[in-house]
Amino acid sequence: MASRNNRTLIPEARQALNSFKTEVASSLNINLKQGYNGDLTSRQAGSIGGEMVKRMIAYAEQNMNGSSNMMK
């Protein structure tokens, strides 16, 4: 089984990621509270995470500008 962790690779990005998560949740009409959100259903939490990934991939694709050196 793969080990999982929730460490942010760039600690300075933590606040931006939290703001991004709140923005995505709001656009999906899901209310996030400050701190613990264990009352969310798995579907709601998955929707937030899935939408975040979708938007991050779109952002990365838009900013690649034909530069394939990033992946090497």
N, C-alpha and C. Protein backbone atom coordinates (compact mmCIF):
# COMPACT_ATOMS: atom_id res chain seq x y z
N MET A 1 0.84 -1.17 0.00
CA MET A 1 0.00 0.00 0.00
C MET A 1 0.89 1.24 0.00
N ALA A 2 0.53 2.20 -0.83
CA ALA A 2 1.32 3.43 -0.92
C ALA A 2 1.16 4.27 0.34
N SER A 3 2.26 4.88 0.74
CA SER A 3 2.16 5.78 1.90
C SER A 3 1.69 7.13 1.41
N ARG A 4 0.90 7.80 2.23
CA ARG A 4 0.36 9.10 1.86
C ARG A 4 0.75 10.11 2.92
N ASN A 5 0.94 11.32 2.48
CA ASN A 5 1.16 12.40 3.42
C ASN A 5 0.57 13.67 2.84
N ASN A 6 0.28 14.59 3.68
CA ASN A 6 -0.33 15.85 3.25
C ASN A 6 0.63 17.02 3.42
N ARG A 7 1.92 16.73 3.33
CA ARG A 7 2.89 17.81 3.45
C ARG A 7 2.88 18.66 2.19
N THR A 8 2.90 19.96 2.37
CA THR A 8 3.01 20.88 1.25
C THR A 8 4.47 20.94 0.84
N LEU A 9 4.74 20.73 -0.44
CA LEU A 9 6.12 20.73 -0.91
C LEU A 9 6.79 22.09 -0.71
N ILE A 10 6.01 23.14 -0.88
CA ILE A 10 6.53 24.49 -0.67
C ILE A 10 5.69 25.11 0.45
N PRO A 11 6.21 25.11 1.68
CA PRO A 11 5.42 25.57 2.83
C PRO A 11 4.83 26.97 2.65
N GLU A 12 5.51 27.84 1.92
CA GLU A 12 5.02 29.19 1.71
C GLU A 12 3.74 29.20 0.89
N ALA A 13 3.42 28.12 0.20
CA ALA A 13 2.24 28.04 -0.65
C ALA A 13 0.99 27.60 0.11
N ARG A 14 1.14 27.22 1.38
CA ARG A 14 0.01 26.68 2.15
C ARG A 14 -1.19 27.63 2.15
N GLN A 15 -0.98 28.91 2.42
CA GLN A 15 -2.09 29.88 2.48
C GLN A 15 -2.76 30.02 1.13
N ALA A 16 -1.97 30.05 0.06
CA ALA A 16 -2.55 30.16 -1.28
C ALA A 16 -3.39 28.93 -1.62
N LEU A 17 -2.92 27.75 -1.22
CA LEU A 17 -3.68 26.53 -1.46
C LEU A 17 -4.99 26.53 -0.66
N ASN A 18 -4.94 27.00 0.57
CA ASN A 18 -6.16 27.07 1.38
C ASN A 18 -7.15 28.05 0.77
N SER A 19 -6.67 29.17 0.27
CA SER A 19 -7.55 30.14 -0.38
C SER A 19 -8.15 29.56 -1.65
N PHE A 20 -7.32 28.84 -2.39
CA PHE A 20 -7.78 28.19 -3.62
C PHE A 20 -8.86 27.16 -3.31
N LYS A 21 -8.65 26.37 -2.26
CA LYS A 21 -9.63 25.36 -1.86
C LYS A 21 -10.95 26.02 -1.48
N THR A 22 -10.89 27.12 -0.75
CA THR A 22 -12.10 27.83 -0.34
C THR A 22 -12.83 28.40 -1.56
N GLU A 23 -12.07 28.93 -2.51
CA GLU A 23 -12.65 29.48 -3.74
C GLU A 23 -13.36 28.39 -4.54
N VAL A 24 -12.71 27.23 -4.67
CA VAL A 24 -13.30 26.12 -5.42
C VAL A 24 -14.56 25.61 -4.72
N ALA A 25 -14.49 25.45 -3.40
CA ALA A 25 -15.65 24.98 -2.64
C ALA A 25 -16.82 25.94 -2.80
N SER A 26 -16.54 27.23 -2.75
CA SER A 26 -17.58 28.23 -2.91
C SER A 26 -18.23 28.14 -4.29
N SER A 27 -17.42 27.94 -5.31
CA SER A 27 -17.97 27.84 -6.67
C SER A 27 -18.82 26.58 -6.84
N LEU A 28 -18.59 25.57 -5.99
CA LEU A 28 -19.39 24.34 -6.02
C LEU A 28 -20.54 24.38 -5.01
N ASN A 29 -20.74 25.53 -4.39
CA ASN A 29 -21.78 25.72 -3.37
C ASN A 29 -21.62 24.78 -2.18
N ILE A 30 -20.37 24.58 -1.77
CA ILE A 30 -20.05 23.78 -0.59
C ILE A 30 -19.44 24.72 0.43
N ASN A 31 -20.01 24.77 1.62
CA ASN A 31 -19.52 25.67 2.65
C ASN A 31 -18.41 25.01 3.46
N LEU A 32 -17.23 25.61 3.42
CA LEU A 32 -16.11 25.15 4.24
C LEU A 32 -16.00 26.04 5.46
N LYS A 33 -15.72 25.42 6.59
CA LYS A 33 -15.47 26.18 7.82
C LYS A 33 -13.97 26.32 8.00
N GLN A 34 -13.58 27.26 8.82
CA GLN A 34 -12.17 27.41 9.18
C GLN A 34 -11.80 26.21 10.05
N GLY A 35 -10.76 25.49 9.70
CA GLY A 35 -10.33 24.34 10.49
C GLY A 35 -10.95 23.04 10.02
N TYR A 36 -11.52 22.28 10.94
CA TYR A 36 -12.01 20.93 10.68
C TYR A 36 -13.29 20.94 9.85
N ASN A 37 -13.33 20.12 8.81
CA ASN A 37 -14.51 20.00 7.95
C ASN A 37 -14.91 18.54 7.79
N GLY A 38 -14.82 17.77 8.87
CA GLY A 38 -15.13 16.35 8.84
C GLY A 38 -16.58 16.04 8.59
N ASP A 39 -17.44 17.05 8.62
CA ASP A 39 -18.85 16.82 8.38
C ASP A 39 -19.20 16.80 6.89
N LEU A 40 -18.22 17.06 6.02
CA LEU A 40 -18.46 16.98 4.58
C LEU A 40 -18.62 15.52 4.17
N THR A 41 -19.45 15.29 3.18
CA THR A 41 -19.56 13.94 2.65
C THR A 41 -18.33 13.65 1.79
N SER A 42 -18.09 12.38 1.53
CA SER A 42 -16.97 12.00 0.67
C SER A 42 -17.15 12.59 -0.72
N ARG A 43 -18.37 12.64 -1.17
CA ARG A 43 -18.66 13.20 -2.49
C ARG A 43 -18.30 14.67 -2.55
N GLN A 44 -18.65 15.43 -1.50
CA GLN A 44 -18.34 16.86 -1.47
C GLN A 44 -16.82 17.08 -1.43
N ALA A 45 -16.14 16.36 -0.55
CA ALA A 45 -14.69 16.52 -0.44
C ALA A 45 -14.01 16.12 -1.74
N GLY A 46 -14.48 15.05 -2.36
CA GLY A 46 -13.91 14.61 -3.63
C GLY A 46 -14.16 15.60 -4.75
N SER A 47 -15.32 16.24 -4.71
CA SER A 47 -15.63 17.25 -5.73
C SER A 47 -14.69 18.44 -5.62
N ILE A 48 -14.40 18.84 -4.40
CA ILE A 48 -13.48 19.97 -4.19
C ILE A 48 -12.09 19.60 -4.70
N GLY A 49 -11.58 18.46 -4.26
CA GLY A 49 -10.24 18.03 -4.68
C GLY A 49 -10.14 17.81 -6.17
N GLY A 50 -11.16 17.19 -6.75
CA GLY A 50 -11.15 16.93 -8.20
C GLY A 50 -11.16 18.21 -9.00
N GLU A 51 -11.96 19.17 -8.56
CA GLU A 51 -12.03 20.46 -9.27
C GLU A 51 -10.71 21.22 -9.12
N MET A 52 -10.09 21.12 -7.94
CA MET A 52 -8.79 21.78 -7.75
C MET A 52 -7.76 21.21 -8.73
N VAL A 53 -7.70 19.89 -8.84
CA VAL A 53 -6.75 19.25 -9.75
C VAL A 53 -7.05 19.65 -11.19
N LYS A 54 -8.32 19.64 -11.56
CA LYS A 54 -8.72 20.02 -12.92
C LYS A 54 -8.24 21.44 -13.25
N ARG A 55 -8.43 22.37 -12.32
CA ARG A 55 -8.02 23.76 -12.55
C ARG A 55 -6.50 23.90 -12.56
N MET A 56 -5.80 23.15 -11.71
CA MET A 56 -4.33 23.22 -11.71
C MET A 56 -3.75 22.67 -13.00
N ILE A 57 -4.34 21.61 -13.53
CA ILE A 57 -3.87 21.05 -14.80
C ILE A 57 -4.11 22.05 -15.92
N ALA A 58 -5.29 22.67 -15.95
CA ALA A 58 -5.59 23.68 -16.97
C ALA A 58 -4.60 24.84 -16.90
N TYR A 59 -4.30 25.28 -15.67
CA TYR A 59 -3.34 26.37 -15.48
C TYR A 59 -1.96 25.97 -16.00
N ALA A 60 -1.52 24.77 -15.68
CA ALA A 60 -0.21 24.30 -16.13
C ALA A 60 -0.16 24.21 -17.65
N GLU A 61 -1.22 23.68 -18.26
CA GLU A 61 -1.26 23.57 -19.71
C GLU A 61 -1.20 24.94 -20.38
N GLN A 62 -1.89 25.91 -19.81
CA GLN A 62 -1.89 27.26 -20.38
C GLN A 62 -0.53 27.91 -20.27
N ASN A 63 0.24 27.55 -19.26
CA ASN A 63 1.51 28.21 -19.01
C ASN A 63 2.72 27.46 -19.53
N MET A 64 2.52 26.37 -20.23
CA MET A 64 3.65 25.61 -20.78
C MET A 64 4.23 26.28 -22.00
N ASN A 65 3.42 26.94 -22.80
CA ASN A 65 3.90 27.68 -23.98
C ASN A 65 4.83 26.88 -24.87
N GLY A 66 4.56 25.60 -25.04
CA GLY A 66 5.37 24.77 -25.92
C GLY A 66 6.70 24.38 -25.33
N SER A 67 6.96 24.69 -24.09
CA SER A 67 8.23 24.35 -23.45
C SER A 67 8.14 22.96 -22.86
N SER A 68 8.79 21.99 -23.50
CA SER A 68 8.75 20.61 -23.02
C SER A 68 9.93 20.30 -22.11
N ASN A 69 10.80 21.28 -21.85
CA ASN A 69 11.96 21.06 -20.99
C ASN A 69 11.57 20.89 -19.52
N MET A 70 10.38 21.31 -19.13
CA MET A 70 9.95 21.23 -17.75
C MET A 70 9.86 19.78 -17.27
N MET A 71 9.52 18.86 -18.16
CA MET A 71 9.30 17.48 -17.79
C MET A 71 10.57 16.64 -17.86
N LYS A 72 11.67 17.21 -18.28
CA LYS A 72 12.92 16.42 -18.43
C LYS A 72 13.80 16.58 -17.24
